[in-house]
Amino acid sequence: METIPKTTFALFFGNRGFFPASLIARARREIQTRLEQLGHRVLMLDETATRHGAVEMRAEALCYAEFLRQHRGKFGGVILSLPNFGDESGAAVALQDADVPILVQAYPDELDKMGPTLRRDAFCGKLSVMDIFCQYGIKFTALQPHTVFPASQDFADNIDYFDRLCRVYGGLRRMTIGAIGARTTAFKTVRIDEVTLQRHGITMETIDLSDVFLRIEALDAQAKAVREKQAFLLNYTDFSTVPEKAVSNMARLGVVLDQITEELQLDALAIRCWLELQKKLHISPCTLLSELNNRGVVTSCEVDIGSAIMMRALRLASGQVTTCLDWNNNYGADLDKCILFHCGPVPQNMMRSKGKVTDHSILAQVMGPGCSWGCNVGRIAPMPMSFGNLLTQDGRIRCYLGEGRFTEDEIAEDYFGCAGVAQIANLQSLLQTIGMTGHRHHVAVTPGHVADPIREAFTRYLGYEVTKT
C-alpha cells in the first residue's frame, strides 16, 4: 500500500522583546528536533532574518509572511510556538495569508523558574494570540493541555492529531475524482451536485462506460500490462474457481482503470459496477475495487462520489486502507451491533484472510450463473474503526462521522460477500439520525479512531457541515 507522508510543518516563533533571547534559541532547537524525531520535515526562518529568528514587530511579521510565500506548497501546516508571551499582532500579520491550518502551542512555566529572567507567561500569551486570530478571522487549532513542553507525550499526541487534520485539509481542498460510468438509474440515493463540489475545490471528471469498453477491446490479452495485471490479481486473492476468460477480462479492466487514473491524475474513483460489466464482460469489478483500495487508490462502487470523497478523508487521516460498505443487517437482538457488508470491495488489509473470488450470487439470480465473476468473498477482521459519509444539499457539503469497532462475532457461512459485525455505541440513535437527515445507505470505513481530526478539518477549515450523531 502506498504510504501517506507525514506533514511538513513551517515553524513560527512568537516573541516579546523584554523576555530573554535564550528562550527562543532553546525552543528553535527543541521543536525542530522533536518534530524530526516524530517523522516530520520542518521549514524554519533563518535565525538571522529577524531578532533570534522569531517574530514580534510588523517588519519581522512581513519578513515571515514573505518566507511562507516563497515556500508555498512545501508545507501543509504551521506550528505557532510561544516560548514566551509572544506578540499577538505580529503573529496575525505574519500568518493571515498562511492558507494552511495553524496550531497554536505555548510553553509552560516552571514553578521554580518564575523570576523575571526565566518566566515565560506563554499561558497568557496563547489566549492573546487566539483572541486576535478570532478578530482577524484567521482559522487556527488549539489543543489541550493549554501549555505543553515539546518533550512530552501530550505534545506528541497533539502533533499526531494536527498532522492528520492537515493531511485531510490538504487532500480535500483540491482534489479530482473520477466517475466511471453514469449513476445507475435505480440508485438515486447517490446523487450529488458537481457544482457544489467544485465550489469546495473538488473537481469531478466523468468517463463513459463506452470509452472503458473501447479501451478494453483495444487491449490484447497477451499485452505485457495485461499479463502483469493478471499475475498480480491471481496472487492477490483466490481465483481457483474463476473461468480463464473472466480473469482475463478483469485484468484488462484493471489496466484500463489504472490508465484512466494516471491520465486524469485522479485522487479517487467511483465506478458503475452493474449491469453493463456483467452483460458485456461477464464480470463484477468488486475484486478490482478491493485491490485498488488495498493499494491506496480510493475507489467506491455504484458511482457513489460522496462515499469516495469521505473514503479519501478517512484514508488521509488514518494513513491506512478504506472501503465503502452498506448499513446492511441487524445482528440478532443486539441494538448496538449490525452487519456492514458489500459484495467484495473490502481491501485485503481489512480482511481476516485472503478472500475467494466467486460469481455474484445475487445478480446470478437475475442474469443466470457465470455472468458476474468478481466478488471477493470473506470476512472483515476485528479492529477499531472510524466511519462516515458525505452528501451535497442546497450548495452545502454535509457529513456525519463516528467511531466504533469490528468485533469477532461470527456471521453465517452462507452469508454472501465480504462483511463484518460492527459495534457502535447508541447505534439505533445514529441510524435514526442518518435516515432523518437524508444520508445514504452506504458508509465509508477505515481502521483506527480518527474522527476528531477529520471533524475539525471539515468544519473549521473546509467549510463542511458535520451532523451531530
Protein backbone atom coordinates (compact mmCIF):
# COMPACT_ATOMS: atom_id res chain seq x y z
CA MET A 1 0.00 0.00 0.00
CA GLU A 2 1.22 3.50 -0.83
CA THR A 3 2.39 5.28 2.33
CA ILE A 4 0.98 8.73 3.09
CA PRO A 5 3.86 11.02 4.08
CA LYS A 6 3.63 12.95 7.32
CA THR A 7 3.03 16.68 7.06
CA THR A 8 5.90 19.09 6.59
CA PHE A 9 5.44 21.96 9.06
CA ALA A 10 6.54 25.59 8.85
CA LEU A 11 7.65 26.72 12.31
CA PHE A 12 6.76 30.17 13.67
CA PHE A 13 8.16 31.52 16.95
CA GLY A 14 6.43 34.41 18.67
CA ASN A 15 8.44 36.84 20.77
CA ARG A 16 8.17 39.73 23.20
CA GLY A 17 11.47 41.62 23.30
CA PHE A 18 11.78 42.04 27.05
CA PHE A 19 11.88 38.26 27.58
CA PRO A 20 15.31 36.53 27.39
CA ALA A 21 16.56 35.55 23.94
CA SER A 22 17.69 32.21 25.31
CA LEU A 23 14.07 31.03 25.47
CA ILE A 24 13.69 31.49 21.69
CA ALA A 25 17.01 29.83 20.85
CA ARG A 26 16.16 26.85 23.02
CA ALA A 27 12.68 26.50 21.52
CA ARG A 28 14.04 26.56 17.96
CA ARG A 29 16.34 23.65 18.76
CA GLU A 30 13.82 21.69 20.83
CA ILE A 31 10.85 21.85 18.50
CA GLN A 32 12.81 21.14 15.32
CA THR A 33 14.49 18.13 16.93
CA ARG A 34 11.25 16.83 18.42
CA LEU A 35 9.30 17.11 15.17
CA GLU A 36 12.04 15.35 13.24
CA GLN A 37 12.01 12.58 15.86
CA LEU A 38 8.25 12.26 15.20
CA GLY A 39 8.88 11.84 11.48
CA HIS A 40 8.15 15.34 10.19
CA ARG A 41 10.18 17.65 8.00
CA VAL A 42 10.30 21.31 9.07
CA LEU A 43 10.84 24.69 7.46
CA MET A 44 12.17 27.41 9.72
CA LEU A 45 13.02 31.09 9.20
CA ASP A 46 16.77 31.65 9.41
CA GLU A 47 17.71 32.88 12.88
CA THR A 48 19.50 35.90 11.34
CA ALA A 49 16.45 37.04 9.33
CA THR A 50 14.83 38.62 12.41
CA ARG A 51 15.80 39.02 16.03
CA HIS A 52 16.53 35.47 17.16
CA GLY A 53 14.60 34.06 14.14
CA ALA A 54 11.31 34.96 15.85
CA VAL A 55 8.53 37.48 15.14
CA GLU A 56 7.40 40.47 17.14
CA MET A 57 7.32 43.76 15.20
CA ARG A 58 5.46 44.37 11.94
CA ALA A 59 8.66 44.36 9.86
CA GLU A 60 9.51 40.91 11.25
CA ALA A 61 5.96 39.73 10.58
CA LEU A 62 6.19 40.83 6.95
CA CYS A 63 9.55 39.06 6.68
CA TYR A 64 7.94 35.84 7.90
CA ALA A 65 4.95 36.26 5.55
CA GLU A 66 7.41 36.53 2.65
CA PHE A 67 9.17 33.39 3.90
CA LEU A 68 5.86 31.50 3.72
CA ARG A 69 5.13 32.91 0.27
CA GLN A 70 8.48 31.73 -1.06
CA HIS A 71 7.90 28.22 0.33
CA ARG A 72 4.20 27.91 -0.56
CA GLY A 73 3.31 24.36 -1.48
CA LYS A 74 6.21 22.92 0.51
CA PHE A 75 4.41 22.80 3.88
CA GLY A 76 1.00 21.54 4.96
CA GLY A 77 0.60 23.34 8.28
CA VAL A 78 2.12 25.98 10.53
CA ILE A 79 3.07 25.41 14.17
CA LEU A 80 2.97 28.72 16.03
CA SER A 81 5.15 28.27 19.10
CA LEU A 82 5.19 30.67 22.03
CA PRO A 83 8.38 30.19 24.07
CA ASN A 84 7.33 33.40 25.87
CA PHE A 85 4.23 35.61 25.84
CA GLY A 86 4.75 36.49 22.16
CA ASP A 87 3.31 39.40 20.22
CA GLU A 88 -0.19 38.63 19.00
CA SER A 89 -0.36 41.45 16.43
CA GLY A 90 2.86 40.33 14.77
CA ALA A 91 1.56 36.77 14.63
CA ALA A 92 -1.66 37.89 12.94
CA VAL A 93 0.15 39.94 10.29
CA ALA A 94 2.61 37.12 9.61
CA LEU A 95 0.04 34.33 9.30
CA GLN A 96 -3.15 35.92 7.96
CA ASP A 97 -2.39 34.58 4.47
CA ALA A 98 -0.83 31.26 5.51
CA ASP A 99 -3.64 29.32 3.77
CA VAL A 100 -2.97 26.16 5.80
CA PRO A 101 -4.04 25.01 9.26
CA ILE A 102 -2.24 26.68 12.17
CA LEU A 103 -1.56 25.01 15.53
CA VAL A 104 -1.00 27.37 18.47
CA GLN A 105 1.42 25.84 21.01
CA ALA A 106 2.61 27.51 24.21
CA TYR A 107 5.39 26.57 26.62
CA PRO A 108 4.51 26.04 30.30
CA ASP A 109 6.13 28.00 33.12
CA GLU A 110 8.04 26.03 35.75
CA LEU A 111 7.27 26.79 39.38
CA ASP A 112 10.94 27.14 40.32
CA LYS A 113 11.66 29.49 37.39
CA MET A 114 9.22 32.36 37.87
CA GLY A 115 11.68 35.23 38.25
CA PRO A 116 11.80 37.99 35.61
CA THR A 117 14.74 36.42 33.75
CA LEU A 118 13.14 33.00 33.31
CA ARG A 119 9.36 33.44 33.43
CA ARG A 120 7.59 32.84 30.11
CA ASP A 121 3.93 33.97 30.52
CA ALA A 122 3.05 31.97 27.36
CA PHE A 123 -0.05 30.70 29.20
CA CYS A 124 -1.47 34.21 28.88
CA GLY A 125 0.13 34.88 25.50
CA LYS A 126 -1.66 31.93 23.92
CA LEU A 127 -5.03 33.42 24.88
CA SER A 128 -3.99 36.74 23.34
CA VAL A 129 -3.00 35.06 20.07
CA MET A 130 -6.27 33.15 19.96
CA ASP A 131 -8.17 36.37 20.65
CA ILE A 132 -6.50 38.37 17.88
CA PHE A 133 -6.83 35.48 15.41
CA CYS A 134 -10.56 35.43 16.08
CA GLN A 135 -10.68 39.19 15.43
CA TYR A 136 -8.79 38.80 12.15
CA GLY A 137 -10.81 35.75 11.08
CA ILE A 138 -7.69 33.59 10.95
CA LYS A 139 -8.53 29.90 11.29
CA PHE A 140 -6.45 28.04 13.86
CA THR A 141 -6.30 24.95 16.04
CA ALA A 142 -5.66 24.94 19.79
CA LEU A 143 -5.42 21.69 21.73
CA GLN A 144 -5.24 20.58 25.33
CA PRO A 145 -3.40 20.94 27.62
CA HIS A 146 -3.20 24.72 27.27
CA THR A 147 0.59 24.72 27.66
CA VAL A 148 2.88 21.82 26.78
CA PHE A 149 6.61 21.05 26.59
CA PRO A 150 7.84 19.60 23.27
CA ALA A 151 9.44 16.63 25.02
CA SER A 152 6.11 15.49 26.50
CA GLN A 153 3.75 12.79 25.27
CA ASP A 154 0.97 15.40 25.19
CA PHE A 155 2.96 17.33 22.57
CA ALA A 156 3.47 14.16 20.51
CA ASP A 157 -0.26 13.38 20.72
CA ASN A 158 -1.16 16.92 19.66
CA ILE A 159 1.21 16.77 16.69
CA ASP A 160 -0.26 13.42 15.65
CA TYR A 161 -3.76 14.93 15.73
CA PHE A 162 -2.67 18.05 13.85
CA ASP A 163 -0.80 16.01 11.25
CA ARG A 164 -3.95 14.01 10.47
CA LEU A 165 -6.02 17.20 10.30
CA CYS A 166 -3.53 18.81 7.91
CA ARG A 167 -3.47 15.75 5.65
CA VAL A 168 -7.26 15.78 5.36
CA TYR A 169 -7.33 19.51 4.66
CA GLY A 170 -4.54 19.33 2.10
CA GLY A 171 -6.04 16.30 0.36
CA LEU A 172 -9.60 17.61 0.05
CA ARG A 173 -9.19 21.35 -0.51
CA ARG A 174 -8.07 20.47 -4.05
CA MET A 175 -8.89 17.00 -5.34
CA THR A 176 -10.06 15.32 -8.54
CA ILE A 177 -12.46 12.40 -8.52
CA GLY A 178 -13.44 10.25 -11.47
CA ALA A 179 -16.97 8.99 -12.10
CA ILE A 180 -16.53 5.86 -14.22
CA GLY A 181 -19.93 5.49 -15.89
CA ALA A 182 -23.22 7.19 -15.15
CA ARG A 183 -25.14 6.71 -11.93
CA THR A 184 -27.34 3.63 -12.10
CA THR A 185 -30.94 4.79 -12.58
CA ALA A 186 -32.20 2.84 -9.59
CA PHE A 187 -29.66 4.42 -7.21
CA LYS A 188 -30.93 7.96 -6.81
CA THR A 189 -29.58 7.74 -3.27
CA VAL A 190 -26.07 8.51 -4.54
CA ARG A 191 -26.94 11.65 -6.50
CA ILE A 192 -24.54 14.53 -5.94
CA ASP A 193 -24.12 18.14 -7.09
CA GLU A 194 -20.95 18.70 -9.11
CA VAL A 195 -21.12 22.50 -8.83
CA THR A 196 -21.27 22.36 -5.03
CA LEU A 197 -18.25 20.05 -5.03
CA GLN A 198 -16.37 22.40 -7.37
CA ARG A 199 -17.03 25.38 -5.14
CA HIS A 200 -15.37 23.41 -2.36
CA GLY A 201 -12.33 22.60 -4.51
CA ILE A 202 -13.39 19.12 -5.64
CA THR A 203 -13.34 18.54 -9.42
CA MET A 204 -15.41 15.68 -10.79
CA GLU A 205 -14.35 14.12 -14.11
CA THR A 206 -16.77 11.78 -15.88
CA ILE A 207 -15.77 8.85 -18.10
CA ASP A 208 -18.45 7.00 -20.05
CA LEU A 209 -18.50 3.20 -19.87
CA SER A 210 -18.44 3.09 -23.67
CA ASP A 211 -14.93 4.57 -23.55
CA VAL A 212 -13.95 1.95 -20.96
CA PHE A 213 -15.24 -0.86 -23.19
CA LEU A 214 -13.44 0.54 -26.25
CA ARG A 215 -10.19 0.67 -24.31
CA ILE A 216 -10.67 -2.91 -23.11
CA GLU A 217 -11.33 -4.13 -26.66
CA ALA A 218 -8.15 -2.41 -27.85
CA LEU A 219 -6.06 -4.31 -25.29
CA ASP A 220 -4.51 -7.56 -26.41
CA ALA A 221 -4.99 -10.21 -23.72
CA GLN A 222 -1.29 -11.07 -24.17
CA ALA A 223 -0.05 -7.50 -23.80
CA LYS A 224 2.61 -7.09 -21.12
CA ALA A 225 0.46 -4.81 -18.94
CA VAL A 226 -2.45 -7.26 -19.06
CA ARG A 227 -0.26 -10.28 -18.26
CA GLU A 228 1.32 -8.43 -15.34
CA LYS A 229 -2.05 -7.33 -14.01
CA GLN A 230 -3.43 -10.86 -14.30
CA ALA A 231 -0.45 -12.33 -12.46
CA PHE A 232 -0.83 -9.72 -9.73
CA LEU A 233 -4.54 -10.43 -9.29
CA LEU A 234 -4.01 -14.19 -9.16
CA ASN A 235 -1.57 -13.65 -6.31
CA TYR A 236 -3.82 -11.12 -4.56
CA THR A 237 -6.72 -13.44 -3.77
CA ASP A 238 -8.13 -16.91 -4.57
CA PHE A 239 -9.20 -17.20 -8.24
CA SER A 240 -9.22 -21.02 -8.23
CA THR A 241 -12.81 -21.42 -9.47
CA VAL A 242 -12.91 -18.44 -11.87
CA PRO A 243 -13.00 -19.13 -15.66
CA GLU A 244 -9.89 -18.03 -17.53
CA LYS A 245 -11.86 -15.63 -19.75
CA ALA A 246 -13.30 -13.82 -16.72
CA VAL A 247 -9.83 -13.48 -15.19
CA SER A 248 -8.53 -12.04 -18.47
CA ASN A 249 -11.41 -9.56 -18.72
CA MET A 250 -10.88 -8.49 -15.13
CA ALA A 251 -7.17 -7.92 -15.79
CA ARG A 252 -7.93 -5.81 -18.87
CA LEU A 253 -10.46 -3.72 -16.93
CA GLY A 254 -7.84 -3.27 -14.21
CA VAL A 255 -5.31 -1.97 -16.73
CA VAL A 256 -7.87 0.48 -18.14
CA LEU A 257 -8.78 1.80 -14.69
CA ASP A 258 -5.08 2.34 -13.95
CA GLN A 259 -4.69 4.18 -17.28
CA ILE A 260 -7.63 6.49 -16.59
CA THR A 261 -6.42 7.19 -13.05
CA GLU A 262 -2.99 8.17 -14.37
CA GLU A 263 -4.23 10.18 -17.36
CA LEU A 264 -6.65 12.29 -15.33
CA GLN A 265 -4.48 12.35 -12.18
CA LEU A 266 -7.43 11.14 -10.12
CA ASP A 267 -7.34 11.19 -6.33
CA ALA A 268 -10.34 8.85 -6.10
CA LEU A 269 -12.76 6.90 -8.30
CA ALA A 270 -16.39 5.82 -8.19
CA ILE A 271 -17.45 3.07 -10.59
CA ARG A 272 -20.72 2.00 -12.19
CA CYS A 273 -20.50 -1.66 -11.26
CA TRP A 274 -23.69 -3.16 -12.72
CA LEU A 275 -25.18 -4.40 -15.01
CA GLU A 276 -23.22 -3.45 -18.15
CA LEU A 277 -19.96 -5.03 -16.99
CA GLN A 278 -21.81 -8.25 -16.27
CA LYS A 279 -23.64 -8.25 -19.62
CA LYS A 280 -20.62 -7.43 -21.76
CA LEU A 281 -17.66 -8.91 -19.88
CA HIS A 282 -19.34 -11.42 -17.53
CA ILE A 283 -17.51 -9.89 -14.55
CA SER A 284 -18.17 -7.79 -11.48
CA PRO A 285 -15.42 -5.31 -10.53
CA CYS A 286 -15.50 -5.97 -6.75
CA THR A 287 -12.08 -7.66 -6.60
CA LEU A 288 -10.55 -4.83 -8.61
CA LEU A 289 -12.03 -2.33 -6.17
CA SER A 290 -10.62 -4.37 -3.30
CA GLU A 291 -7.17 -4.36 -4.87
CA LEU A 292 -7.30 -0.64 -5.76
CA ASN A 293 -8.24 0.27 -2.21
CA ASN A 294 -5.59 -2.06 -0.83
CA ARG A 295 -3.06 -0.23 -2.98
CA GLY A 296 -4.27 3.13 -1.64
CA VAL A 297 -6.24 4.16 -4.76
CA VAL A 298 -9.54 5.18 -3.15
CA THR A 299 -12.42 3.59 -5.08
CA SER A 300 -16.13 3.26 -4.33
CA CYS A 301 -18.79 1.27 -6.16
CA GLU A 302 -22.23 2.25 -7.51
CA VAL A 303 -20.83 5.64 -8.65
CA ASP A 304 -21.07 6.87 -5.07
CA ILE A 305 -18.99 10.04 -5.30
CA GLY A 306 -19.86 11.16 -1.77
CA SER A 307 -18.61 7.92 -0.28
CA ALA A 308 -15.40 8.13 -2.31
CA ILE A 309 -14.70 11.65 -1.01
CA MET A 310 -15.28 10.51 2.56
CA MET A 311 -13.10 7.46 1.92
CA ARG A 312 -10.27 9.75 0.84
CA ALA A 313 -10.64 11.82 4.01
CA LEU A 314 -10.59 8.67 6.14
CA ARG A 315 -7.53 7.31 4.34
CA LEU A 316 -5.66 10.59 4.69
CA ALA A 317 -6.44 10.74 8.41
CA SER A 318 -5.72 7.10 9.23
CA GLY A 319 -2.88 6.51 6.79
CA GLN A 320 -4.46 3.10 6.18
CA VAL A 321 -6.85 1.46 3.73
CA THR A 322 -10.53 2.29 3.45
CA THR A 323 -13.69 0.85 1.94
CA CYS A 324 -17.35 1.54 1.21
CA LEU A 325 -19.96 -0.71 2.84
CA ASP A 326 -23.72 -0.97 3.25
CA TRP A 327 -25.53 -0.47 6.54
CA ASN A 328 -26.99 -3.88 5.83
CA ASN A 329 -28.39 -6.07 8.63
CA ASN A 330 -29.27 -6.11 12.29
CA TYR A 331 -27.20 -8.53 14.37
CA GLY A 332 -29.83 -10.51 16.21
CA ALA A 333 -31.30 -8.55 19.11
CA ASP A 334 -28.13 -6.58 19.97
CA LEU A 335 -29.11 -2.95 19.43
CA ASP A 336 -25.51 -1.68 19.32
CA LYS A 337 -24.38 -4.16 16.66
CA CYS A 338 -25.09 -4.51 12.95
CA ILE A 339 -23.62 -6.20 9.89
CA LEU A 340 -21.73 -3.97 7.46
CA PHE A 341 -21.38 -5.58 4.04
CA HIS A 342 -20.59 -5.21 0.39
CA CYS A 343 -20.13 -7.66 -2.46
CA GLY A 344 -16.35 -7.73 -2.15
CA PRO A 345 -14.56 -4.34 -2.49
CA VAL A 346 -13.05 -4.62 1.00
CA PRO A 347 -9.24 -4.29 0.81
CA GLN A 348 -7.26 -7.37 1.81
CA ASN A 349 -5.62 -5.41 4.64
CA MET A 350 -9.02 -5.19 6.37
CA MET A 351 -9.89 -8.88 5.95
CA ARG A 352 -9.27 -11.83 8.27
CA SER A 353 -7.63 -13.75 5.43
CA LYS A 354 -7.46 -13.81 1.65
CA GLY A 355 -10.86 -13.77 0.01
CA LYS A 356 -12.22 -16.13 -2.60
CA VAL A 357 -13.44 -14.79 -5.94
CA THR A 358 -16.93 -16.01 -6.82
CA ASP A 359 -19.79 -15.40 -9.15
CA HIS A 360 -22.16 -12.69 -7.86
CA SER A 361 -24.80 -14.91 -6.28
CA ILE A 362 -27.39 -12.13 -6.09
CA LEU A 363 -27.01 -10.97 -9.70
CA ALA A 364 -26.86 -14.61 -10.81
CA GLN A 365 -30.48 -14.94 -9.75
CA VAL A 366 -31.37 -12.33 -12.38
CA MET A 367 -28.80 -12.91 -15.11
CA GLY A 368 -28.07 -16.59 -14.66
CA PRO A 369 -24.90 -18.22 -13.32
CA GLY A 370 -21.48 -17.37 -14.72
CA CYS A 371 -22.32 -13.82 -15.75
CA SER A 372 -20.78 -11.84 -12.90
CA TRP A 373 -17.47 -13.29 -11.71
CA GLY A 374 -15.50 -11.00 -9.41
CA CYS A 375 -16.91 -10.81 -5.88
CA ASN A 376 -14.14 -11.18 -3.30
CA VAL A 377 -15.93 -13.10 -0.55
CA GLY A 378 -14.58 -13.12 3.01
CA ARG A 379 -14.89 -11.54 6.43
CA ILE A 380 -13.69 -8.23 7.89
CA ALA A 381 -11.07 -8.56 10.65
CA PRO A 382 -11.74 -7.33 14.21
CA MET A 383 -10.37 -3.80 14.67
CA PRO A 384 -11.24 -0.33 15.92
CA MET A 385 -12.66 1.72 13.08
CA SER A 386 -13.90 5.17 12.07
CA PHE A 387 -16.78 5.75 9.69
CA GLY A 388 -18.72 8.48 7.92
CA ASN A 389 -20.35 9.69 4.74
CA LEU A 390 -20.93 12.84 2.74
CA LEU A 391 -23.59 14.43 0.56
CA THR A 392 -24.41 17.77 -1.08
CA GLN A 393 -27.53 19.76 -0.27
CA ASP A 394 -28.51 23.30 -1.31
CA GLY A 395 -24.92 24.29 -2.10
CA ARG A 396 -23.53 22.80 1.13
CA ILE A 397 -21.47 19.71 1.87
CA ARG A 398 -22.98 17.78 4.76
CA CYS A 399 -21.36 14.85 6.57
CA TYR A 400 -21.53 12.60 9.57
CA LEU A 401 -18.65 10.91 11.39
CA GLY A 402 -18.31 8.32 14.12
CA GLU A 403 -16.19 5.60 15.67
CA GLY A 404 -16.75 2.00 16.69
CA ARG A 405 -15.17 -1.38 16.15
CA PHE A 406 -15.48 -4.54 14.12
CA THR A 407 -15.96 -7.45 16.51
CA GLU A 408 -15.00 -11.13 16.47
CA ASP A 409 -18.66 -12.11 16.21
CA GLU A 410 -19.34 -14.73 13.56
CA ILE A 411 -21.58 -14.39 10.52
CA ALA A 412 -23.27 -17.37 8.91
CA GLU A 413 -21.13 -19.30 6.41
CA ASP A 414 -23.67 -18.82 3.62
CA TYR A 415 -23.74 -15.04 4.04
CA PHE A 416 -22.67 -13.70 0.63
CA GLY A 417 -19.95 -11.08 0.08
CA CYS A 418 -17.47 -9.53 2.49
CA ALA A 419 -18.95 -8.49 5.83
CA GLY A 420 -18.18 -7.80 9.46
CA VAL A 421 -20.09 -7.18 12.67
CA ALA A 422 -19.79 -3.55 13.76
CA GLN A 423 -20.35 -2.45 17.34
CA ILE A 424 -21.22 1.24 17.73
CA ALA A 425 -22.45 2.93 20.89
CA ASN A 426 -26.02 4.28 20.54
CA LEU A 427 -26.31 2.69 17.11
CA GLN A 428 -30.08 3.00 16.99
CA SER A 429 -29.90 6.74 17.54
CA LEU A 430 -27.18 7.01 14.90
CA LEU A 431 -29.28 5.14 12.33
CA GLN A 432 -32.23 7.36 13.10
CA THR A 433 -30.10 10.45 12.54
CA ILE A 434 -28.66 9.11 9.29
CA GLY A 435 -32.12 8.36 7.94
CA MET A 436 -33.81 11.54 9.12
CA THR A 437 -31.08 13.81 7.71
CA GLY A 438 -31.11 12.23 4.24
CA HIS A 439 -27.84 10.32 4.32
CA ARG A 440 -27.44 7.25 2.15
CA HIS A 441 -27.30 3.55 2.93
CA HIS A 442 -23.54 3.47 2.28
CA VAL A 443 -20.86 4.10 4.90
CA ALA A 444 -17.13 4.68 4.39
CA VAL A 445 -14.86 2.92 6.90
CA THR A 446 -11.17 2.88 7.85
CA PRO A 447 -9.17 1.21 10.66
CA GLY A 448 -8.41 3.27 13.77
CA HIS A 449 -10.12 6.10 15.62
CA VAL A 450 -9.54 9.29 13.63
CA ALA A 451 -12.93 11.00 13.53
CA ASP A 452 -11.92 14.03 15.62
CA PRO A 453 -9.18 15.48 13.37
CA ILE A 454 -11.38 14.86 10.32
CA ARG A 455 -14.27 16.66 12.00
CA GLU A 456 -12.11 19.71 12.75
CA ALA A 457 -10.62 19.76 9.24
CA PHE A 458 -14.14 19.63 7.79
CA THR A 459 -15.81 22.23 9.98
CA ARG A 460 -13.04 24.70 10.85
CA TYR A 461 -11.02 24.71 7.65
CA LEU A 462 -13.04 23.27 4.74
CA GLY A 463 -16.47 24.71 5.50
CA TYR A 464 -18.38 21.41 5.59
CA GLU A 465 -21.25 20.78 7.96
CA VAL A 466 -20.96 17.75 10.25
CA THR A 467 -24.20 16.37 11.67
CA LYS A 468 -24.07 15.63 15.38
CA THR A 469 -24.63 11.89 15.85
